[in-house]
Amino acid sequence: MSKVRSGGKVLAGTLVAGAVVAASKILLDRFWKVRDPARATPQDQGLMYSPADGLVTHIRRIEKGRVHSELLGEDIGLEELTGLEHGFEAQGWLMGIYVGLLDVRFVVSPFSSTLTQTVDVPAKAKEELLSPLERAQLLMGQIPDLVGRHAQLESGKLTLLLEGEGLTLVLVHHLLEDTDVKLLVSSGESVQAGQKLSFLEREGLVELVILRENLELLVSVGDRVQAGLSELARV
């Protein structure tokens, strides 16, 4: 009889734990992810702010429109990374920010600019960028190399081209599904620093292609940043 009672307690405990996990996921999906904390972004023309909440996963130099991937042992063209047929030959910087499960999901403009082009690139392969183990490691500050991963290159992309203040910036949302992001602005629209551009339905990678070499970077890999508040670079 004691074994039956013990087994019943284990089963009950398992059911309760499962219910808690399920309820937590519903809470996160329906309520937590849509939170929109009030933030006032300074309108400083000399600064570029983070477009998203999350962890800075990589910062790489762009040389003649290409970025070196240590994973692949070769350079990757910006056309492949962004989906834009831009004819990139510029110098600059590639920066990645991973927006996690608990991060605010709104993506904002890093500086005052005009949205001159948007491009939707369908996914060639539906593959998670991070494994469950890597997500856990990310929380502990262990950052995997993402540049050149199959899931990064073959992901769906929503790419925004922003131009203003003598600066060109490409903002890339990496998507598993087309429905993973909602665009909140239109091509040709002028936007202020900190203005909402999009909303992410799920966690994922947001990359910035900054097409200017002579700027002062103000963050490092491993830094946590907040959209519209954290200063990324002085231009």
C-alpha atoms as a PDB file:
ATOM      1  CA  MET A   1       0.000   0.000   0.000  1.00  0.00           C
ATOM      2  CA  SER A   2       2.858   2.384   0.847  1.00  0.00           C
ATOM      3  CA  LYS A   3       4.366   1.819  -2.609  1.00  0.00           C
ATOM      4  CA  VAL A   4       1.040   2.664  -4.232  1.00  0.00           C
ATOM      5  CA  ARG A   5       0.764   5.836  -2.173  1.00  0.00           C
ATOM      6  CA  SER A   6       4.362   6.736  -2.978  1.00  0.00           C
ATOM      7  CA  GLY A   7       3.762   6.204  -6.692  1.00  0.00           C
ATOM      8  CA  GLY A   8       0.641   8.299  -6.481  1.00  0.00           C
ATOM      9  CA  LYS A   9       2.558  11.138  -4.859  1.00  0.00           C
ATOM     10  CA  VAL A  10       5.227  11.028  -7.584  1.00  0.00           C
ATOM     11  CA  LEU A  11       2.566  11.066 -10.298  1.00  0.00           C
ATOM     12  CA  ALA A  12       0.757  13.928  -8.595  1.00  0.00           C
ATOM     13  CA  GLY A  13       3.996  15.855  -8.241  1.00  0.00           C
ATOM     14  CA  THR A  14       4.805  15.308 -11.910  1.00  0.00           C
ATOM     15  CA  LEU A  15       1.354  16.502 -12.958  1.00  0.00           C
ATOM     16  CA  VAL A  16       1.641  19.604 -10.770  1.00  0.00           C
ATOM     17  CA  ALA A  17       5.126  20.407 -12.140  1.00  0.00           C
ATOM     18  CA  GLY A  18       3.835  19.967 -15.696  1.00  0.00           C
ATOM     19  CA  ALA A  19       0.908  22.246 -14.980  1.00  0.00           C
ATOM     20  CA  VAL A  20       3.218  24.902 -13.524  1.00  0.00           C
ATOM     21  CA  VAL A  21       5.486  24.773 -16.606  1.00  0.00           C
ATOM     22  CA  ALA A  22       2.508  24.970 -18.951  1.00  0.00           C
ATOM     23  CA  ALA A  23       1.003  27.883 -17.024  1.00  0.00           C
ATOM     24  CA  SER A  24       4.350  29.682 -16.997  1.00  0.00           C
ATOM     25  CA  LYS A  25       4.687  29.320 -20.764  1.00  0.00           C
ATOM     26  CA  ILE A  26       1.149  30.665 -21.296  1.00  0.00           C
ATOM     27  CA  LEU A  27       1.924  33.581 -18.973  1.00  0.00           C
ATOM     28  CA  LEU A  28       5.120  34.395 -20.865  1.00  0.00           C
ATOM     29  CA  ASP A  29       3.574  33.992 -24.311  1.00  0.00           C
ATOM     30  CA  ARG A  30       0.394  35.948 -23.646  1.00  0.00           C
ATOM     31  CA  PHE A  31       1.336  38.580 -21.119  1.00  0.00           C
ATOM     32  CA  TRP A  32       5.036  38.909 -20.306  1.00  0.00           C
ATOM     33  CA  LYS A  33       6.299  39.194 -23.884  1.00  0.00           C
ATOM     34  CA  VAL A  34       3.930  42.059 -24.755  1.00  0.00           C
ATOM     35  CA  ARG A  35       4.994  44.297 -21.897  1.00  0.00           C
ATOM     36  CA  ASP A  36       6.007  47.752 -23.021  1.00  0.00           C
ATOM     37  CA  PRO A  37       7.942  49.659 -20.345  1.00  0.00           C
ATOM     38  CA  ALA A  38       7.987  53.426 -20.739  1.00  0.00           C
ATOM     39  CA  ARG A  39      11.373  54.600 -22.027  1.00  0.00           C
ATOM     40  CA  ALA A  40      12.578  58.020 -23.131  1.00  0.00           C
ATOM     41  CA  THR A  41      15.389  57.822 -25.690  1.00  0.00           C
ATOM     42  CA  PRO A  42      17.646  60.912 -25.799  1.00  0.00           C
ATOM     43  CA  GLN A  43      17.637  62.499 -29.259  1.00  0.00           C
ATOM     44  CA  ASP A  44      21.415  62.869 -29.425  1.00  0.00           C
ATOM     45  CA  GLN A  45      22.619  62.929 -33.042  1.00  0.00           C
ATOM     46  CA  GLY A  46      26.075  61.742 -32.027  1.00  0.00           C
ATOM     47  CA  LEU A  47      24.912  58.467 -30.477  1.00  0.00           C
ATOM     48  CA  MET A  48      23.487  55.173 -31.699  1.00  0.00           C
ATOM     49  CA  TYR A  49      21.266  53.281 -29.271  1.00  0.00           C
ATOM     50  CA  SER A  50      20.488  49.599 -28.988  1.00  0.00           C
ATOM     51  CA  PRO A  51      17.542  48.521 -31.145  1.00  0.00           C
ATOM     52  CA  ALA A  52      16.636  45.650 -28.816  1.00  0.00           C
ATOM     53  CA  ASP A  53      16.819  44.249 -25.322  1.00  0.00           C
ATOM     54  CA  GLY A  54      19.180  41.315 -24.999  1.00  0.00           C
ATOM     55  CA  LEU A  55      22.759  40.112 -24.936  1.00  0.00           C
ATOM     56  CA  VAL A  56      25.482  41.285 -27.333  1.00  0.00           C
ATOM     57  CA  THR A  57      26.658  38.011 -28.904  1.00  0.00           C
ATOM     58  CA  HIS A  58      29.127  39.218 -31.521  1.00  0.00           C
ATOM     59  CA  ILE A  59      30.878  42.280 -32.916  1.00  0.00           C
ATOM     60  CA  ARG A  60      32.807  41.774 -36.157  1.00  0.00           C
ATOM     61  CA  ARG A  61      34.630  44.036 -38.576  1.00  0.00           C
ATOM     62  CA  ILE A  62      33.241  44.409 -42.083  1.00  0.00           C
ATOM     63  CA  GLU A  63      35.937  44.577 -44.743  1.00  0.00           C
ATOM     64  CA  LYS A  64      34.876  45.447 -48.293  1.00  0.00           C
ATOM     65  CA  GLY A  65      31.363  44.218 -47.673  1.00  0.00           C
ATOM     66  CA  ARG A  66      32.383  40.886 -46.116  1.00  0.00           C
ATOM     67  CA  VAL A  67      32.564  39.437 -42.595  1.00  0.00           C
ATOM     68  CA  HIS A  68      34.905  36.651 -41.534  1.00  0.00           C
ATOM     69  CA  SER A  69      33.336  33.512 -40.059  1.00  0.00           C
ATOM     70  CA  GLU A  70      35.645  31.462 -37.858  1.00  0.00           C
ATOM     71  CA  LEU A  71      33.141  28.597 -37.977  1.00  0.00           C
ATOM     72  CA  LEU A  72      33.325  28.405 -41.767  1.00  0.00           C
ATOM     73  CA  GLY A  73      36.934  29.522 -42.080  1.00  0.00           C
ATOM     74  CA  GLU A  74      35.947  31.996 -44.811  1.00  0.00           C
ATOM     75  CA  ASP A  75      34.316  35.360 -45.408  1.00  0.00           C
ATOM     76  CA  ILE A  76      30.567  35.870 -45.819  1.00  0.00           C
ATOM     77  CA  GLY A  77      29.112  38.588 -48.041  1.00  0.00           C
ATOM     78  CA  LEU A  78      26.654  41.028 -46.510  1.00  0.00           C
ATOM     79  CA  GLU A  79      24.156  40.188 -49.240  1.00  0.00           C
ATOM     80  CA  GLU A  80      23.912  36.670 -47.803  1.00  0.00           C
ATOM     81  CA  LEU A  81      23.638  37.928 -44.227  1.00  0.00           C
ATOM     82  CA  THR A  82      21.003  40.574 -44.944  1.00  0.00           C
ATOM     83  CA  GLY A  83      19.101  39.477 -48.044  1.00  0.00           C
ATOM     84  CA  LEU A  84      19.712  42.902 -49.583  1.00  0.00           C
ATOM     85  CA  GLU A  85      21.092  43.195 -53.101  1.00  0.00           C
ATOM     86  CA  HIS A  86      22.964  46.311 -52.146  1.00  0.00           C
ATOM     87  CA  GLY A  87      26.350  45.836 -53.778  1.00  0.00           C
ATOM     88  CA  PHE A  88      28.083  46.251 -50.437  1.00  0.00           C
ATOM     89  CA  GLU A  89      31.702  47.374 -50.669  1.00  0.00           C
ATOM     90  CA  ALA A  90      31.800  49.440 -47.503  1.00  0.00           C
ATOM     91  CA  GLN A  91      33.749  49.066 -44.295  1.00  0.00           C
ATOM     92  CA  GLY A  92      31.925  48.891 -41.009  1.00  0.00           C
ATOM     93  CA  TRP A  93      30.727  46.646 -38.206  1.00  0.00           C
ATOM     94  CA  LEU A  94      28.390  43.684 -37.709  1.00  0.00           C
ATOM     95  CA  MET A  95      26.796  43.432 -34.282  1.00  0.00           C
ATOM     96  CA  GLY A  96      24.435  40.737 -32.969  1.00  0.00           C
ATOM     97  CA  ILE A  97      21.952  41.019 -30.098  1.00  0.00           C
ATOM     98  CA  TYR A  98      20.130  37.919 -28.898  1.00  0.00           C
ATOM     99  CA  VAL A  99      16.662  38.742 -27.594  1.00  0.00           C
ATOM    100  CA  GLY A 100      15.869  36.131 -24.958  1.00  0.00           C
ATOM    101  CA  LEU A 101      12.637  34.686 -23.631  1.00  0.00           C
ATOM    102  CA  LEU A 102      12.407  37.209 -20.779  1.00  0.00           C
ATOM    103  CA  ASP A 103      13.483  40.271 -22.768  1.00  0.00           C
ATOM    104  CA  VAL A 104      11.184  43.029 -24.024  1.00  0.00           C
ATOM    105  CA  ARG A 105      10.256  42.124 -27.618  1.00  0.00           C
ATOM    106  CA  PHE A 106       9.900  45.576 -29.210  1.00  0.00           C
ATOM    107  CA  VAL A 107      12.664  46.556 -31.667  1.00  0.00           C
ATOM    108  CA  VAL A 108      13.296  50.298 -31.991  1.00  0.00           C
ATOM    109  CA  SER A 109      15.218  52.632 -34.265  1.00  0.00           C
ATOM    110  CA  PRO A 110      18.831  53.096 -33.089  1.00  0.00           C
ATOM    111  CA  PHE A 111      18.934  56.679 -34.411  1.00  0.00           C
ATOM    112  CA  SER A 112      16.764  59.256 -36.166  1.00  0.00           C
ATOM    113  CA  SER A 113      16.516  58.150 -39.776  1.00  0.00           C
ATOM    114  CA  THR A 114      14.292  57.209 -42.701  1.00  0.00           C
ATOM    115  CA  LEU A 115      13.241  53.649 -43.419  1.00  0.00           C
ATOM    116  CA  THR A 116      14.181  53.515 -47.088  1.00  0.00           C
ATOM    117  CA  GLN A 117      13.689  49.801 -47.795  1.00  0.00           C
ATOM    118  CA  THR A 118      12.268  46.628 -46.287  1.00  0.00           C
ATOM    119  CA  VAL A 119      12.992  43.126 -47.563  1.00  0.00           C
ATOM    120  CA  ASP A 120      11.341  39.833 -46.599  1.00  0.00           C
ATOM    121  CA  VAL A 121      13.521  36.778 -47.171  1.00  0.00           C
ATOM    122  CA  PRO A 122      11.781  33.385 -46.808  1.00  0.00           C
ATOM    123  CA  ALA A 123      13.537  30.789 -44.656  1.00  0.00           C
ATOM    124  CA  LYS A 124      15.514  28.195 -46.609  1.00  0.00           C
ATOM    125  CA  ALA A 125      15.587  25.918 -43.564  1.00  0.00           C
ATOM    126  CA  LYS A 126      13.626  26.008 -40.316  1.00  0.00           C
ATOM    127  CA  GLU A 127      16.297  25.440 -37.728  1.00  0.00           C
ATOM    128  CA  GLU A 128      16.610  26.813 -34.211  1.00  0.00           C
ATOM    129  CA  LEU A 129      19.626  29.097 -33.824  1.00  0.00           C
ATOM    130  CA  LEU A 130      20.361  27.874 -30.289  1.00  0.00           C
ATOM    131  CA  SER A 131      19.896  24.487 -28.663  1.00  0.00           C
ATOM    132  CA  PRO A 132      18.176  24.313 -25.239  1.00  0.00           C
ATOM    133  CA  LEU A 133      21.605  23.766 -23.654  1.00  0.00           C
ATOM    134  CA  GLU A 134      23.032  26.845 -25.403  1.00  0.00           C
ATOM    135  CA  ARG A 135      20.086  28.931 -24.209  1.00  0.00           C
ATOM    136  CA  ALA A 136      20.865  27.885 -20.647  1.00  0.00           C
ATOM    137  CA  GLN A 137      24.569  28.602 -21.173  1.00  0.00           C
ATOM    138  CA  LEU A 138      23.706  32.031 -22.582  1.00  0.00           C
ATOM    139  CA  LEU A 139      21.995  32.896 -19.308  1.00  0.00           C
ATOM    140  CA  MET A 140      25.266  32.058 -17.541  1.00  0.00           C
ATOM    141  CA  GLY A 141      27.293  34.284 -19.871  1.00  0.00           C
ATOM    142  CA  GLN A 142      28.659  31.524 -22.127  1.00  0.00           C
ATOM    143  CA  ILE A 143      28.237  32.913 -25.635  1.00  0.00           C
ATOM    144  CA  PRO A 144      28.345  30.563 -28.629  1.00  0.00           C
ATOM    145  CA  ASP A 145      29.768  31.617 -31.984  1.00  0.00           C
ATOM    146  CA  LEU A 146      26.767  32.459 -34.178  1.00  0.00           C
ATOM    147  CA  VAL A 147      28.416  34.019 -37.236  1.00  0.00           C
ATOM    148  CA  GLY A 148      28.273  31.534 -40.081  1.00  0.00           C
ATOM    149  CA  ARG A 149      25.899  29.067 -38.448  1.00  0.00           C
ATOM    150  CA  HIS A 150      23.616  27.280 -40.873  1.00  0.00           C
ATOM    151  CA  ALA A 151      20.592  28.522 -38.900  1.00  0.00           C
ATOM    152  CA  GLN A 152      21.825  32.121 -39.212  1.00  0.00           C
ATOM    153  CA  LEU A 153      22.473  31.993 -42.950  1.00  0.00           C
ATOM    154  CA  GLU A 154      19.392  29.957 -43.883  1.00  0.00           C
ATOM    155  CA  SER A 155      16.910  31.700 -41.581  1.00  0.00           C
ATOM    156  CA  GLY A 156      14.043  33.820 -42.764  1.00  0.00           C
ATOM    157  CA  LYS A 157      14.841  37.502 -42.528  1.00  0.00           C
ATOM    158  CA  LEU A 158      13.045  40.802 -42.222  1.00  0.00           C
ATOM    159  CA  THR A 159      15.624  43.390 -43.197  1.00  0.00           C
ATOM    160  CA  LEU A 160      15.245  47.147 -42.728  1.00  0.00           C
ATOM    161  CA  LEU A 161      17.494  49.727 -44.387  1.00  0.00           C
ATOM    162  CA  LEU A 162      17.751  52.925 -42.325  1.00  0.00           C
ATOM    163  CA  GLU A 163      19.453  56.074 -43.593  1.00  0.00           C
ATOM    164  CA  GLY A 164      19.998  59.408 -41.911  1.00  0.00           C
ATOM    165  CA  GLU A 165      22.501  61.711 -40.210  1.00  0.00           C
ATOM    166  CA  GLY A 166      25.118  60.669 -42.780  1.00  0.00           C
ATOM    167  CA  LEU A 167      24.830  57.038 -41.687  1.00  0.00           C
ATOM    168  CA  THR A 168      23.482  53.867 -43.292  1.00  0.00           C
ATOM    169  CA  LEU A 169      22.393  51.001 -41.059  1.00  0.00           C
ATOM    170  CA  VAL A 170      20.873  47.632 -41.922  1.00  0.00           C
ATOM    171  CA  LEU A 171      18.734  45.970 -39.241  1.00  0.00           C
ATOM    172  CA  VAL A 172      18.144  42.230 -39.697  1.00  0.00           C
ATOM    173  CA  HIS A 173      15.547  40.157 -37.823  1.00  0.00           C
ATOM    174  CA  HIS A 174      16.350  36.432 -38.066  1.00  0.00           C
ATOM    175  CA  LEU A 175      13.122  34.423 -38.190  1.00  0.00           C
ATOM    176  CA  LEU A 176      12.121  30.795 -37.877  1.00  0.00           C
ATOM    177  CA  GLU A 177       8.620  31.544 -39.222  1.00  0.00           C
ATOM    178  CA  ASP A 178       7.270  34.451 -41.270  1.00  0.00           C
ATOM    179  CA  THR A 179       4.864  35.211 -38.424  1.00  0.00           C
ATOM    180  CA  ASP A 180       7.684  35.673 -35.891  1.00  0.00           C
ATOM    181  CA  VAL A 181       7.747  39.461 -36.370  1.00  0.00           C
ATOM    182  CA  LYS A 182       5.243  42.285 -36.861  1.00  0.00           C
ATOM    183  CA  LEU A 183       6.453  45.376 -38.734  1.00  0.00           C
ATOM    184  CA  LEU A 184       5.102  48.568 -37.151  1.00  0.00           C
ATOM    185  CA  VAL A 185       6.330  51.145 -39.713  1.00  0.00           C
ATOM    186  CA  SER A 186       6.266  51.562 -43.501  1.00  0.00           C
ATOM    187  CA  SER A 187       8.937  52.177 -46.129  1.00  0.00           C
ATOM    188  CA  GLY A 188       9.570  55.884 -46.623  1.00  0.00           C
ATOM    189  CA  GLU A 189       8.591  56.713 -43.056  1.00  0.00           C
ATOM    190  CA  SER A 190      10.818  58.960 -40.938  1.00  0.00           C
ATOM    191  CA  VAL A 191      11.503  57.571 -37.462  1.00  0.00           C
ATOM    192  CA  GLN A 192      13.007  59.027 -34.311  1.00  0.00           C
ATOM    193  CA  ALA A 193      15.626  57.336 -32.160  1.00  0.00           C
ATOM    194  CA  GLY A 194      13.780  54.913 -29.881  1.00  0.00           C
ATOM    195  CA  GLN A 195      10.648  54.729 -32.051  1.00  0.00           C
ATOM    196  CA  LYS A 196       9.199  51.225 -32.341  1.00  0.00           C
ATOM    197  CA  LEU A 197       9.963  49.482 -35.640  1.00  0.00           C
ATOM    198  CA  SER A 198       8.769  45.934 -35.009  1.00  0.00           C
ATOM    199  CA  PHE A 199       7.584  43.387 -32.475  1.00  0.00           C
ATOM    200  CA  LEU A 200       9.124  39.935 -32.059  1.00  0.00           C
ATOM    201  CA  GLU A 201       6.661  37.122 -31.403  1.00  0.00           C
ATOM    202  CA  ARG A 202       9.461  34.866 -30.147  1.00  0.00           C
ATOM    203  CA  GLU A 203      13.039  35.116 -28.974  1.00  0.00           C
ATOM    204  CA  GLY A 204      15.733  35.395 -31.614  1.00  0.00           C
ATOM    205  CA  LEU A 205      18.686  37.208 -33.121  1.00  0.00           C
ATOM    206  CA  VAL A 206      18.678  40.837 -34.238  1.00  0.00           C
ATOM    207  CA  GLU A 207      21.749  41.999 -36.179  1.00  0.00           C
ATOM    208  CA  LEU A 208      22.975  45.455 -37.069  1.00  0.00           C
ATOM    209  CA  VAL A 209      25.136  46.153 -40.089  1.00  0.00           C
ATOM    210  CA  ILE A 210      26.683  49.558 -39.426  1.00  0.00           C
ATOM    211  CA  LEU A 211      28.152  50.889 -42.656  1.00  0.00           C
ATOM    212  CA  ARG A 212      30.669  53.253 -41.141  1.00  0.00           C
ATOM    213  CA  GLU A 213      34.199  52.443 -40.034  1.00  0.00           C
ATOM    214  CA  ASN A 214      35.117  55.558 -38.086  1.00  0.00           C
ATOM    215  CA  LEU A 215      32.921  55.228 -35.025  1.00  0.00           C
ATOM    216  CA  GLU A 216      33.562  54.555 -31.352  1.00  0.00           C
ATOM    217  CA  LEU A 217      32.014  51.330 -30.078  1.00  0.00           C
ATOM    218  CA  LEU A 218      30.623  51.661 -26.561  1.00  0.00           C
ATOM    219  CA  VAL A 219      29.676  48.015 -25.876  1.00  0.00           C
ATOM    220  CA  SER A 220      31.452  44.672 -25.835  1.00  0.00           C
ATOM    221  CA  VAL A 221      30.462  41.056 -26.403  1.00  0.00           C
ATOM    222  CA  GLY A 222      28.652  39.795 -23.299  1.00  0.00           C
ATOM    223  CA  ASP A 223      27.072  43.146 -22.406  1.00  0.00           C
ATOM    224  CA  ARG A 224      23.351  43.264 -21.736  1.00  0.00           C
ATOM    225  CA  VAL A 225      21.596  46.111 -23.517  1.00  0.00           C
ATOM    226  CA  GLN A 226      18.189  47.788 -23.450  1.00  0.00           C
ATOM    227  CA  ALA A 227      16.326  49.062 -26.487  1.00  0.00           C
ATOM    228  CA  GLY A 228      16.461  52.840 -26.834  1.00  0.00           C
ATOM    229  CA  LEU A 229      18.532  53.295 -23.678  1.00  0.00           C
ATOM    230  CA  SER A 230      21.895  51.545 -24.026  1.00  0.00           C
ATOM    231  CA  GLU A 231      24.455  53.448 -26.085  1.00  0.00           C
ATOM    232  CA  LEU A 232      26.060  51.190 -28.734  1.00  0.00           C
ATOM    233  CA  ALA A 233      28.328  53.615 -30.527  1.00  0.00           C
ATOM    234  CA  ARG A 234      29.340  57.238 -30.874  1.00  0.00           C
ATOM    235  CA  VAL A 235      29.308  58.298 -34.522  1.00  0.00           C
END
